Structures are given as structure tokens and as C-alpha cells.
Amino acid sequence: MNEIPVEFFSQGVKVSGILRTPDGPGNRSGIVQGPGWLGLKDANLYVPYHQALTAAGFSVLIIDYRGFGDSGDGTLSPADQLADLTNAVTFLLTLDDVDQVGVFGSGGTGGGNAILLAAADSRVTCAVSQVPVSDGEDWLRRMRSSDEEWQTFLKRLNEDRVRRVIVGRGTSVHPREEIMIPSAERRSTTVKKDVDGRIPTSVPLAAADEILAYRPIDVAHTVPALMIIAVADDLVTPTDHAEALFDAAPTPKRLVMQYNTTHYAAYAQYGDEVRPMIVDWFQQHLAGATGAAVERIEVGR
């Protein structure tokens, strides 16, 4: 696998990416990826996936969203992230050896963004979405342990909206501690330790308004060739979000449900089984192979 640093512009902001390509001849197919919730392009977590994809002849472009990592100014904005992914597709298609594109997204809004991109951009012909969020408001609500905690959060958001109008600026918060509420597993896992120290620690609380309005479920019915990867009884991204997205999607579609694991442990525990399924999906829908119209696959049960 070859690795090339690249840059392109998204709405005037310079976006940094890593282009990973096959050692030998490719299959003229590219895959674009934006990281998961608060992720970065160079996370070790993604490397085994990219090794599997490039070994099968695919080129993979993974980016830092604006305001993250090596990309230019921005904040935690799903709308801006979707624009960055759309412009990443354009960049991929400028390459001489890429003439068709799929999308891969993993982890919360990473999985959700893959669905949003495939729905919004007709140049994207298939998608793989791993442990996605389908409804941002429901996701944030379930992180709170009580209705009182949720109402307190909503009150704080409303007060910040007023402050932005009256004062001209709002409050800044830690995105992992004050927008997302990390689970016990998230606090203890080391799966993202290589990039955890470089994520933004202060973003406008206004970013939460975009998360509340974040609804990949509304467009899932338009996504061509969608593969969903889920974890049973997931305490980070609810399993029923993944199931709802799968149910809404048109055929062809595939649901891979991983059992007896957790949101973060599944990457290593079942990676050797899941990665070939991802490669197979892109081979079917980018490289011309064929498969079943509707598949439900269980792993670890």
C-alpha cells in the first residue's frame, strides 16, 4: 500500500488528506472516507481497512474535516463535513486512475456521513456505514442518564442561542464531554489513543444544534447499495439506529450484526471477518461482481 499526503480546497478551506493506493495496478475505483466522531485521518484504527481495500485494487482517500487535524479553520459541523466529503469525491475523480467512487464511514457521525454523502451525490454509487448514527437528537438524548439531565442540556442550548443573538458569541465546550457524553467503555478504551490527544477540545456549543438536526434516516431510502455494520446492544451508537437505516434503504443492501462484543472492541475482535465483507461489497458495486439483493449476516453468535 502506497501512502501520499494530499490537499484540496473545500469552500475555500484547505483540506488535508491521505491517499492510499495499491502497490500494483488498481481497478479504477476510489473510496472516500471521513473519520468518525472526533476522529482524524491518520488514526491507526483505519489502516487495516485501507490495507484490505488497496490489496483488492481500490484507492482510498481519507480526510481531516475542516477544523480537525491538518485541515484549515472550521468547527464541528456536519454540514461542513458533508461539503468536505463532496469535494473529496471531486478530488478523487481528478485522478487519472479513478473513474468511479464509493464511500466508507465508521463510528457515529462517520457512519452517518457516509449515508448523507451517498444520498446527496449521484457520483457515489455505493456506501459502507459502520456503527452509524441515524438521528442526532435521539443519540444525544440517550447519552444522558435521566430526563432531568436532558432538559438541563436543552436549557443550556437555548440560553446559548440567546447569548449568540444578544452578545454576538456563544459558549465554547469540550465536544466529548459536553456535547457527547462518553460511555464507560469510551473512557477506558485505547482504540483511538494515537489521535485522542490531537482532537479539538473546544468547539462552539452551537455545534450541538447541528447534531440535533442530524438525520441520515431521512435520506436512507435514496442510498444505492448500502452495507450497514452494527453491534448488538451497542451502548455508543444505538443498534436500532443501524437497523432503521438498513430497513429504510432500497435493495441491494446488507446488514452485518456483530454479537458478544462492544462498540469499540468489535474493531479488533471481528475485524478479520468484517473487512473481507467490506471489500466484497465494494467489489460487487464498484468493480462489477454480483451478489444477493438483501443480506443479513451474523458474526459472533
C-alpha atoms as a PDB file:
ATOM      1  CA  MET A   1       0.000   0.000   0.000  1.00  0.00           C
ATOM      2  CA  ASN A   2       1.322   3.406  -1.004  1.00  0.00           C
ATOM      3  CA  GLU A   3       0.554   6.492   1.070  1.00  0.00           C
ATOM      4  CA  ILE A   4       0.506  10.008  -0.378  1.00  0.00           C
ATOM      5  CA  PRO A   5      -0.315  13.241   1.514  1.00  0.00           C
ATOM      6  CA  VAL A   6      -2.757  15.366  -0.487  1.00  0.00           C
ATOM      7  CA  GLU A   7      -4.559  18.686  -0.160  1.00  0.00           C
ATOM      8  CA  PHE A   8      -7.581  20.232  -1.863  1.00  0.00           C
ATOM      9  CA  PHE A   9      -9.977  23.082  -1.195  1.00  0.00           C
ATOM     10  CA  SER A  10     -13.480  22.791   0.197  1.00  0.00           C
ATOM     11  CA  GLN A  11     -15.480  26.024   0.075  1.00  0.00           C
ATOM     12  CA  GLY A  12     -12.185  27.913   0.132  1.00  0.00           C
ATOM     13  CA  VAL A  13     -10.755  25.994   3.119  1.00  0.00           C
ATOM     14  CA  LYS A  14      -7.689  23.820   2.609  1.00  0.00           C
ATOM     15  CA  VAL A  15      -8.471  20.194   3.491  1.00  0.00           C
ATOM     16  CA  SER A  16      -5.724  17.681   4.222  1.00  0.00           C
ATOM     17  CA  GLY A  17      -6.000  14.031   3.280  1.00  0.00           C
ATOM     18  CA  ILE A  18      -4.108  10.791   2.872  1.00  0.00           C
ATOM     19  CA  LEU A  19      -4.420   8.954  -0.440  1.00  0.00           C
ATOM     20  CA  ARG A  20      -3.680   5.256  -0.082  1.00  0.00           C
ATOM     21  CA  THR A  21      -3.231   3.337  -3.318  1.00  0.00           C
ATOM     22  CA  PRO A  22      -2.498  -0.261  -4.391  1.00  0.00           C
ATOM     23  CA  ASP A  23       1.060  -1.441  -4.823  1.00  0.00           C
ATOM     24  CA  GLY A  24       0.148  -2.808  -8.247  1.00  0.00           C
ATOM     25  CA  PRO A  25      -2.476  -1.936 -10.853  1.00  0.00           C
ATOM     26  CA  GLY A  26      -5.728  -0.611  -9.444  1.00  0.00           C
ATOM     27  CA  ASN A  27      -9.312  -1.267 -10.530  1.00  0.00           C
ATOM     28  CA  ARG A  28     -10.123   2.387 -11.337  1.00  0.00           C
ATOM     29  CA  SER A  29     -12.332   2.669  -8.271  1.00  0.00           C
ATOM     30  CA  GLY A  30     -11.857   5.106  -5.407  1.00  0.00           C
ATOM     31  CA  ILE A  31     -13.315   5.148  -1.909  1.00  0.00           C
ATOM     32  CA  VAL A  32     -13.674   8.341   0.095  1.00  0.00           C
ATOM     33  CA  GLN A  33     -13.768   8.336   3.885  1.00  0.00           C
ATOM     34  CA  GLY A  34     -14.293  10.924   6.568  1.00  0.00           C
ATOM     35  CA  PRO A  35     -13.324   9.898  10.111  1.00  0.00           C
ATOM     36  CA  GLY A  36     -15.824   9.068  12.812  1.00  0.00           C
ATOM     37  CA  TRP A  37     -16.941  11.340  15.636  1.00  0.00           C
ATOM     38  CA  LEU A  38     -13.894  13.448  16.597  1.00  0.00           C
ATOM     39  CA  GLY A  39     -11.608  11.236  14.526  1.00  0.00           C
ATOM     40  CA  LEU A  40      -8.533  12.063  12.449  1.00  0.00           C
ATOM     41  CA  LYS A  41      -7.369  10.766   9.091  1.00  0.00           C
ATOM     42  CA  ASP A  42      -4.151   9.174  10.359  1.00  0.00           C
ATOM     43  CA  ALA A  43      -5.729   7.068  13.116  1.00  0.00           C
ATOM     44  CA  ASN A  44      -4.217   3.591  13.240  1.00  0.00           C
ATOM     45  CA  LEU A  45      -7.748   2.207  13.537  1.00  0.00           C
ATOM     46  CA  TYR A  46      -8.369   2.758   9.812  1.00  0.00           C
ATOM     47  CA  VAL A  47      -5.130   1.294   8.470  1.00  0.00           C
ATOM     48  CA  PRO A  48      -6.182  -2.402   8.372  1.00  0.00           C
ATOM     49  CA  TYR A  49      -9.319  -1.440   6.427  1.00  0.00           C
ATOM     50  CA  HIS A  50      -7.289   0.512   3.916  1.00  0.00           C
ATOM     51  CA  GLN A  51      -4.756  -2.297   3.587  1.00  0.00           C
ATOM     52  CA  ALA A  52      -7.563  -4.695   2.730  1.00  0.00           C
ATOM     53  CA  LEU A  53      -9.125  -2.279   0.244  1.00  0.00           C
ATOM     54  CA  THR A  54      -5.889  -1.343  -1.526  1.00  0.00           C
ATOM     55  CA  ALA A  55      -4.901  -5.028  -1.715  1.00  0.00           C
ATOM     56  CA  ALA A  56      -8.133  -5.508  -3.681  1.00  0.00           C
ATOM     57  CA  GLY A  57      -7.184  -2.699  -6.077  1.00  0.00           C
ATOM     58  CA  PHE A  58      -9.088   0.242  -4.595  1.00  0.00           C
ATOM     59  CA  SER A  59      -7.654   3.687  -3.941  1.00  0.00           C
ATOM     60  CA  VAL A  60      -8.744   5.211  -0.613  1.00  0.00           C
ATOM     61  CA  LEU A  61      -8.854   8.907   0.268  1.00  0.00           C
ATOM     62  CA  ILE A  62      -9.353   9.706   3.949  1.00  0.00           C
ATOM     63  CA  ILE A  63      -9.546  13.327   5.071  1.00  0.00           C
ATOM     64  CA  ASP A  64      -9.402  15.520   8.125  1.00  0.00           C
ATOM     65  CA  TYR A  65     -12.590  17.550   8.252  1.00  0.00           C
ATOM     66  CA  ARG A  66     -12.044  21.296   8.402  1.00  0.00           C
ATOM     67  CA  GLY A  67     -11.082  22.368  11.905  1.00  0.00           C
ATOM     68  CA  PHE A  68      -9.601  18.931  12.626  1.00  0.00           C
ATOM     69  CA  GLY A  69      -6.041  17.665  12.357  1.00  0.00           C
ATOM     70  CA  ASP A  70      -4.157  19.226   9.466  1.00  0.00           C
ATOM     71  CA  SER A  71      -7.154  20.827   7.744  1.00  0.00           C
ATOM     72  CA  GLY A  72      -7.941  24.523   7.861  1.00  0.00           C
ATOM     73  CA  ASP A  73     -10.250  26.548  10.050  1.00  0.00           C
ATOM     74  CA  GLY A  74     -13.651  25.171  10.915  1.00  0.00           C
ATOM     75  CA  THR A  75     -15.764  23.781  13.690  1.00  0.00           C
ATOM     76  CA  LEU A  76     -17.735  20.640  14.453  1.00  0.00           C
ATOM     77  CA  SER A  77     -20.302  20.967  11.659  1.00  0.00           C
ATOM     78  CA  PRO A  78     -21.970  18.011   9.901  1.00  0.00           C
ATOM     79  CA  ALA A  79     -22.992  20.342   7.071  1.00  0.00           C
ATOM     80  CA  ASP A  80     -19.378  21.412   6.513  1.00  0.00           C
ATOM     81  CA  GLN A  81     -18.233  17.798   6.814  1.00  0.00           C
ATOM     82  CA  LEU A  82     -20.651  16.770   4.081  1.00  0.00           C
ATOM     83  CA  ALA A  83     -19.289  19.560   1.873  1.00  0.00           C
ATOM     84  CA  ASP A  84     -15.739  18.364   2.585  1.00  0.00           C
ATOM     85  CA  LEU A  85     -16.671  14.813   1.585  1.00  0.00           C
ATOM     86  CA  THR A  86     -18.399  16.028  -1.572  1.00  0.00           C
ATOM     87  CA  ASN A  87     -15.284  17.955  -2.557  1.00  0.00           C
ATOM     88  CA  ALA A  88     -13.167  14.913  -1.714  1.00  0.00           C
ATOM     89  CA  VAL A  89     -15.180  12.990  -4.317  1.00  0.00           C
ATOM     90  CA  THR A  90     -14.410  15.710  -6.850  1.00  0.00           C
ATOM     91  CA  PHE A  91     -10.719  15.493  -5.966  1.00  0.00           C
ATOM     92  CA  LEU A  92     -10.689  11.696  -6.349  1.00  0.00           C
ATOM     93  CA  LEU A  93     -12.260  11.951  -9.766  1.00  0.00           C
ATOM     94  CA  THR A  94      -9.478  14.279 -10.942  1.00  0.00           C
ATOM     95  CA  LEU A  95      -7.059  11.361 -10.626  1.00  0.00           C
ATOM     96  CA  ASP A  96      -6.236   9.594 -13.874  1.00  0.00           C
ATOM     97  CA  ASP A  97      -6.834   6.122 -12.428  1.00  0.00           C
ATOM     98  CA  VAL A  98     -10.188   6.740 -10.683  1.00  0.00           C
ATOM     99  CA  ASP A  99     -13.465   6.927 -12.572  1.00  0.00           C
ATOM    100  CA  GLN A 100     -15.997   5.637 -10.013  1.00  0.00           C
ATOM    101  CA  VAL A 101     -16.398   6.296  -6.296  1.00  0.00           C
ATOM    102  CA  GLY A 102     -17.866   4.675  -3.196  1.00  0.00           C
ATOM    103  CA  VAL A 103     -17.918   5.890   0.399  1.00  0.00           C
ATOM    104  CA  PHE A 104     -16.894   4.257   3.672  1.00  0.00           C
ATOM    105  CA  GLY A 105     -17.665   5.764   7.067  1.00  0.00           C
ATOM    106  CA  SER A 106     -17.135   4.369  10.537  1.00  0.00           C
ATOM    107  CA  GLY A 107     -18.175   5.466  14.005  1.00  0.00           C
ATOM    108  CA  GLY A 108     -21.214   7.582  14.871  1.00  0.00           C
ATOM    109  CA  THR A 109     -21.350  10.563  12.539  1.00  0.00           C
ATOM    110  CA  GLY A 110     -18.662   8.925  10.410  1.00  0.00           C
ATOM    111  CA  GLY A 111     -21.132   6.172   9.572  1.00  0.00           C
ATOM    112  CA  GLY A 112     -23.960   8.667   9.223  1.00  0.00           C
ATOM    113  CA  ASN A 113     -21.947  10.926   6.938  1.00  0.00           C
ATOM    114  CA  ALA A 114     -21.379   8.045   4.525  1.00  0.00           C
ATOM    115  CA  ILE A 115     -25.148   7.764   4.138  1.00  0.00           C
ATOM    116  CA  LEU A 116     -25.624  11.511   3.750  1.00  0.00           C
ATOM    117  CA  LEU A 117     -22.934  11.676   1.057  1.00  0.00           C
ATOM    118  CA  ALA A 118     -24.293   8.727  -0.912  1.00  0.00           C
ATOM    119  CA  ALA A 119     -27.760  10.285  -0.777  1.00  0.00           C
ATOM    120  CA  ALA A 120     -26.590  13.760  -1.814  1.00  0.00           C
ATOM    121  CA  ASP A 121     -24.006  12.957  -4.502  1.00  0.00           C
ATOM    122  CA  SER A 122     -25.038  10.870  -7.502  1.00  0.00           C
ATOM    123  CA  ARG A 123     -21.375  10.233  -8.322  1.00  0.00           C
ATOM    124  CA  VAL A 124     -21.217   7.943  -5.258  1.00  0.00           C
ATOM    125  CA  THR A 125     -22.607   4.581  -6.312  1.00  0.00           C
ATOM    126  CA  CYS A 126     -22.372   2.559  -3.083  1.00  0.00           C
ATOM    127  CA  ALA A 127     -21.757   3.003   0.632  1.00  0.00           C
ATOM    128  CA  VAL A 128     -20.499   1.146   3.695  1.00  0.00           C
ATOM    129  CA  SER A 129     -21.626   2.573   7.029  1.00  0.00           C
ATOM    130  CA  GLN A 130     -20.158   1.139  10.229  1.00  0.00           C
ATOM    131  CA  VAL A 131     -21.903   1.671  13.613  1.00  0.00           C
ATOM    132  CA  PRO A 132     -23.749   4.767  12.361  1.00  0.00           C
ATOM    133  CA  VAL A 133     -25.967   7.389  13.950  1.00  0.00           C
ATOM    134  CA  SER A 134     -29.334   7.765  12.225  1.00  0.00           C
ATOM    135  CA  ASP A 135     -30.884  10.509  14.401  1.00  0.00           C
ATOM    136  CA  GLY A 136     -28.640  13.006  16.189  1.00  0.00           C
ATOM    137  CA  GLU A 137     -31.234  14.203  18.690  1.00  0.00           C
ATOM    138  CA  ASP A 138     -32.054  10.677  19.791  1.00  0.00           C
ATOM    139  CA  TRP A 139     -28.325   9.890  20.008  1.00  0.00           C
ATOM    140  CA  LEU A 140     -27.579  12.838  22.301  1.00  0.00           C
ATOM    141  CA  ARG A 141     -30.666  12.114  24.383  1.00  0.00           C
ATOM    142  CA  ARG A 142     -29.690   8.501  25.054  1.00  0.00           C
ATOM    143  CA  MET A 143     -26.278   9.568  26.330  1.00  0.00           C
ATOM    144  CA  ARG A 144     -27.969  11.371  29.217  1.00  0.00           C
ATOM    145  CA  SER A 145     -28.920   9.212  32.158  1.00  0.00           C
ATOM    146  CA  SER A 146     -32.162  10.976  33.029  1.00  0.00           C
ATOM    147  CA  ASP A 147     -34.832  13.258  31.630  1.00  0.00           C
ATOM    148  CA  GLU A 148     -33.633  15.929  34.042  1.00  0.00           C
ATOM    149  CA  GLU A 149     -30.116  15.797  32.580  1.00  0.00           C
ATOM    150  CA  TRP A 150     -31.561  16.060  29.068  1.00  0.00           C
ATOM    151  CA  GLN A 151     -33.750  19.036  29.932  1.00  0.00           C
ATOM    152  CA  THR A 152     -30.780  20.762  31.556  1.00  0.00           C
ATOM    153  CA  PHE A 153     -28.809  20.277  28.336  1.00  0.00           C
ATOM    154  CA  LEU A 154     -31.638  21.679  26.211  1.00  0.00           C
ATOM    155  CA  LYS A 155     -31.970  24.670  28.539  1.00  0.00           C
ATOM    156  CA  ARG A 156     -28.248  25.368  28.203  1.00  0.00           C
ATOM    157  CA  LEU A 157     -28.545  25.221  24.416  1.00  0.00           C
ATOM    158  CA  ASN A 158     -31.419  27.669  24.419  1.00  0.00           C
ATOM    159  CA  GLU A 159     -29.546  30.075  26.698  1.00  0.00           C
ATOM    160  CA  ASP A 160     -26.583  29.878  24.315  1.00  0.00           C
ATOM    161  CA  ARG A 161     -28.807  30.701  21.341  1.00  0.00           C
ATOM    162  CA  VAL A 162     -29.990  33.814  23.153  1.00  0.00           C
ATOM    163  CA  ARG A 163     -26.411  34.736  24.057  1.00  0.00           C
ATOM    164  CA  ARG A 164     -25.315  34.440  20.432  1.00  0.00           C
ATOM    165  CA  VAL A 165     -28.082  36.819  19.379  1.00  0.00           C
ATOM    166  CA  ILE A 166     -27.634  39.374  22.180  1.00  0.00           C
ATOM    167  CA  VAL A 167     -23.877  39.261  22.777  1.00  0.00           C
ATOM    168  CA  GLY A 168     -22.675  38.091  19.385  1.00  0.00           C
ATOM    169  CA  ARG A 169     -20.859  34.969  20.503  1.00  0.00           C
ATOM    170  CA  GLY A 170     -21.758  31.788  22.303  1.00  0.00           C
ATOM    171  CA  THR A 171     -20.145  29.411  24.760  1.00  0.00           C
ATOM    172  CA  SER A 172     -17.355  27.012  23.856  1.00  0.00           C
ATOM    173  CA  VAL A 173     -17.392  23.466  25.219  1.00  0.00           C
ATOM    174  CA  HIS A 174     -15.455  20.217  25.080  1.00  0.00           C
ATOM    175  CA  PRO A 175     -17.183  18.183  22.361  1.00  0.00           C
ATOM    176  CA  ARG A 176     -16.573  14.815  24.001  1.00  0.00           C
ATOM    177  CA  GLU A 177     -17.602  15.841  27.493  1.00  0.00           C
ATOM    178  CA  GLU A 178     -20.338  18.427  26.954  1.00  0.00           C
ATOM    179  CA  ILE A 179     -21.985  17.548  23.646  1.00  0.00           C
ATOM    180  CA  MET A 180     -21.304  13.853  23.593  1.00  0.00           C
ATOM    181  CA  ILE A 181     -21.283  12.128  26.974  1.00  0.00           C
ATOM    182  CA  PRO A 182     -18.705   9.330  26.727  1.00  0.00           C
ATOM    183  CA  SER A 183     -19.651   5.860  27.867  1.00  0.00           C
ATOM    184  CA  ALA A 184     -17.579   3.979  30.429  1.00  0.00           C
ATOM    185  CA  GLU A 185     -16.049   1.985  27.570  1.00  0.00           C
ATOM    186  CA  ARG A 186     -15.072   5.158  25.722  1.00  0.00           C
ATOM    187  CA  ARG A 187     -13.271   6.451  28.808  1.00  0.00           C
ATOM    188  CA  SER A 188     -11.290   3.236  29.171  1.00  0.00           C
ATOM    189  CA  THR A 189     -10.649   2.172  25.573  1.00  0.00           C
ATOM    190  CA  THR A 190      -7.290   2.714  23.896  1.00  0.00           C
ATOM    191  CA  VAL A 191      -8.591   2.126  20.362  1.00  0.00           C
ATOM    192  CA  LYS A 192      -8.059   5.799  19.463  1.00  0.00           C
ATOM    193  CA  LYS A 193      -5.172   6.592  21.789  1.00  0.00           C
ATOM    194  CA  ASP A 194      -2.885   7.573  18.921  1.00  0.00           C
ATOM    195  CA  VAL A 195      -5.100  10.535  17.956  1.00  0.00           C
ATOM    196  CA  ASP A 196      -7.064  11.315  21.121  1.00  0.00           C
ATOM    197  CA  GLY A 197      -4.550  13.941  22.207  1.00  0.00           C
ATOM    198  CA  ARG A 198      -4.946  15.908  18.953  1.00  0.00           C
ATOM    199  CA  ILE A 199      -8.708  16.323  18.637  1.00  0.00           C
ATOM    200  CA  PRO A 200     -10.265  19.760  19.266  1.00  0.00           C
ATOM    201  CA  THR A 201     -11.022  20.283  22.932  1.00  0.00           C
ATOM    202  CA  SER A 202     -13.100  23.419  22.475  1.00  0.00           C
ATOM    203  CA  VAL A 203     -15.896  23.958  19.954  1.00  0.00           C
ATOM    204  CA  PRO A 204     -18.892  26.299  19.954  1.00  0.00           C
ATOM    205  CA  LEU A 205     -21.841  24.869  21.820  1.00  0.00           C
ATOM    206  CA  ALA A 206     -23.790  25.924  18.724  1.00  0.00           C
ATOM    207  CA  ALA A 207     -22.382  22.782  17.089  1.00  0.00           C
ATOM    208  CA  ALA A 208     -24.896  20.816  19.138  1.00  0.00           C
ATOM    209  CA  ASP A 209     -27.732  22.434  17.191  1.00  0.00           C
ATOM    210  CA  GLU A 210     -26.417  20.784  14.037  1.00  0.00           C
ATOM    211  CA  ILE A 211     -26.180  17.427  15.799  1.00  0.00           C
ATOM    212  CA  LEU A 212     -29.778  17.754  16.961  1.00  0.00           C
ATOM    213  CA  ALA A 213     -30.811  18.272  13.328  1.00  0.00           C
ATOM    214  CA  TYR A 214     -28.613  15.418  12.061  1.00  0.00           C
ATOM    215  CA  ARG A 215     -30.876  12.776  10.456  1.00  0.00           C
ATOM    216  CA  PRO A 216     -29.358  10.324   7.976  1.00  0.00           C
ATOM    217  CA  ILE A 217     -32.527   8.265   8.477  1.00  0.00           C
ATOM    218  CA  ASP A 218     -34.443  10.814   6.404  1.00  0.00           C
ATOM    219  CA  VAL A 219     -32.411  10.071   3.267  1.00  0.00           C
ATOM    220  CA  ALA A 220     -31.511   6.399   3.729  1.00  0.00           C
ATOM    221  CA  HIS A 221     -34.285   5.401   1.329  1.00  0.00           C
ATOM    222  CA  THR A 222     -32.336   7.040  -1.519  1.00  0.00           C
ATOM    223  CA  VAL A 223     -28.927   5.439  -0.880  1.00  0.00           C
ATOM    224  CA  PRO A 224     -27.799   2.970  -3.548  1.00  0.00           C
ATOM    225  CA  ALA A 225     -26.147  -0.280  -2.468  1.00  0.00           C
ATOM    226  CA  LEU A 226     -25.853   0.310   1.293  1.00  0.00           C
ATOM    227  CA  MET A 227     -23.971  -2.002   3.650  1.00  0.00           C
ATOM    228  CA  ILE A 228     -24.517  -1.441   7.374  1.00  0.00           C
ATOM    229  CA  ILE A 229     -22.218  -2.851  10.064  1.00  0.00           C
ATOM    230  CA  ALA A 230     -23.695  -2.872  13.573  1.00  0.00           C
ATOM    231  CA  VAL A 231     -23.033  -4.125  17.093  1.00  0.00           C
ATOM    232  CA  ALA A 232     -25.811  -5.845  19.003  1.00  0.00           C
ATOM    233  CA  ASP A 233     -26.699  -3.981  22.225  1.00  0.00           C
ATOM    234  CA  ASP A 234     -24.368  -1.112  21.294  1.00  0.00           C
ATOM    235  CA  LEU A 235     -24.146   1.427  24.133  1.00  0.00           C
ATOM    236  CA  VAL A 236     -22.456   4.122  21.999  1.00  0.00           C
ATOM    237  CA  THR A 237     -24.382   4.223  18.729  1.00  0.00           C
ATOM    238  CA  PRO A 238     -27.735   2.503  19.336  1.00  0.00           C
ATOM    239  CA  THR A 239     -28.246  -0.738  17.456  1.00  0.00           C
ATOM    240  CA  ASP A 240     -31.733   0.297  16.413  1.00  0.00           C
ATOM    241  CA  HIS A 241     -30.242   3.266  14.536  1.00  0.00           C
ATOM    242  CA  ALA A 242     -28.332   0.856  12.289  1.00  0.00           C
ATOM    243  CA  GLU A 243     -31.352  -1.399  11.911  1.00  0.00           C
ATOM    244  CA  ALA A 244     -33.608   1.533  10.979  1.00  0.00           C
ATOM    245  CA  LEU A 245     -31.156   2.680   8.307  1.00  0.00           C
ATOM    246  CA  PHE A 246     -30.983  -0.824   6.869  1.00  0.00           C
ATOM    247  CA  ASP A 247     -34.761  -1.190   6.863  1.00  0.00           C
ATOM    248  CA  ALA A 248     -35.176   2.158   5.082  1.00  0.00           C
ATOM    249  CA  ALA A 249     -32.555   1.504   2.398  1.00  0.00           C
ATOM    250  CA  PRO A 250     -33.539   0.186  -1.035  1.00  0.00           C
ATOM    251  CA  THR A 251     -32.059  -3.002  -2.408  1.00  0.00           C
ATOM    252  CA  PRO A 252     -29.356  -4.098  -2.765  1.00  0.00           C
ATOM    253  CA  LYS A 253     -28.425  -3.873   0.907  1.00  0.00           C
ATOM    254  CA  ARG A 254     -26.538  -5.821   3.549  1.00  0.00           C
ATOM    255  CA  LEU A 255     -26.659  -5.788   7.360  1.00  0.00           C
ATOM    256  CA  VAL A 256     -23.759  -7.282   9.322  1.00  0.00           C
ATOM    257  CA  MET A 257     -24.658  -7.691  13.006  1.00  0.00           C
ATOM    258  CA  GLN A 258     -21.795  -8.382  15.431  1.00  0.00           C
ATOM    259  CA  TYR A 259     -22.696 -10.201  18.666  1.00  0.00           C
ATOM    260  CA  ASN A 260     -20.994 -10.724  22.031  1.00  0.00           C
ATOM    261  CA  THR A 261     -18.833  -7.652  21.653  1.00  0.00           C
ATOM    262  CA  THR A 262     -18.959  -3.896  22.232  1.00  0.00           C
ATOM    263  CA  HIS A 263     -18.792  -0.761  20.095  1.00  0.00           C
ATOM    264  CA  TYR A 264     -15.021  -0.322  20.381  1.00  0.00           C
ATOM    265  CA  ALA A 265     -13.950  -3.930  20.938  1.00  0.00           C
ATOM    266  CA  ALA A 266     -15.599  -5.100  17.716  1.00  0.00           C
ATOM    267  CA  TYR A 267     -12.991  -3.415  15.507  1.00  0.00           C
ATOM    268  CA  ALA A 268     -10.276  -5.824  16.637  1.00  0.00           C
ATOM    269  CA  GLN A 269     -12.474  -8.738  17.693  1.00  0.00           C
ATOM    270  CA  TYR A 270     -14.203  -9.185  14.340  1.00  0.00           C
ATOM    271  CA  GLY A 271     -12.041  -7.153  12.001  1.00  0.00           C
ATOM    272  CA  ASP A 272     -10.652 -10.183  10.210  1.00  0.00           C
ATOM    273  CA  GLU A 273     -14.208 -11.282   9.389  1.00  0.00           C
ATOM    274  CA  VAL A 274     -15.751  -7.895   8.633  1.00  0.00           C
ATOM    275  CA  ARG A 275     -13.046  -6.355   6.450  1.00  0.00           C
ATOM    276  CA  PRO A 276     -13.390  -9.001   3.692  1.00  0.00           C
ATOM    277  CA  MET A 277     -17.147  -8.322   3.686  1.00  0.00           C
ATOM    278  CA  ILE A 278     -16.462  -4.622   3.114  1.00  0.00           C
ATOM    279  CA  VAL A 279     -14.084  -5.439   0.270  1.00  0.00           C
ATOM    280  CA  ASP A 280     -16.668  -7.803  -1.214  1.00  0.00           C
ATOM    281  CA  TRP A 281     -19.369  -5.109  -1.079  1.00  0.00           C
ATOM    282  CA  PHE A 282     -17.232  -2.615  -2.950  1.00  0.00           C
ATOM    283  CA  GLN A 283     -16.218  -5.295  -5.434  1.00  0.00           C
ATOM    284  CA  GLN A 284     -19.880  -6.040  -6.100  1.00  0.00           C
ATOM    285  CA  HIS A 285     -20.958  -2.453  -6.538  1.00  0.00           C
ATOM    286  CA  LEU A 286     -17.836  -0.732  -7.852  1.00  0.00           C
ATOM    287  CA  ALA A 287     -15.880  -3.487  -9.543  1.00  0.00           C
ATOM    288  CA  GLY A 288     -18.743  -5.310 -11.208  1.00  0.00           C
ATOM    289  CA  ALA A 289     -19.244  -8.508  -9.179  1.00  0.00           C
ATOM    290  CA  THR A 290     -22.758  -9.654  -8.264  1.00  0.00           C
ATOM    291  CA  GLY A 291     -24.464 -10.659  -5.020  1.00  0.00           C
ATOM    292  CA  ALA A 292     -27.764 -11.082  -3.207  1.00  0.00           C
ATOM    293  CA  ALA A 293     -30.287  -8.231  -3.161  1.00  0.00           C
ATOM    294  CA  VAL A 294     -30.834  -8.368   0.614  1.00  0.00           C
ATOM    295  CA  GLU A 295     -28.409  -9.950   3.069  1.00  0.00           C
ATOM    296  CA  ARG A 296     -28.391 -10.264   6.845  1.00  0.00           C
ATOM    297  CA  ILE A 297     -25.166 -11.666   8.220  1.00  0.00           C
ATOM    298  CA  GLU A 298     -24.488 -12.541  11.865  1.00  0.00           C
ATOM    299  CA  VAL A 299     -20.977 -12.544  13.291  1.00  0.00           C
ATOM    300  CA  GLY A 300     -20.011 -13.993  16.664  1.00  0.00           C
ATOM    301  CA  ARG A 301     -23.299 -15.615  17.545  1.00  0.00           C
END
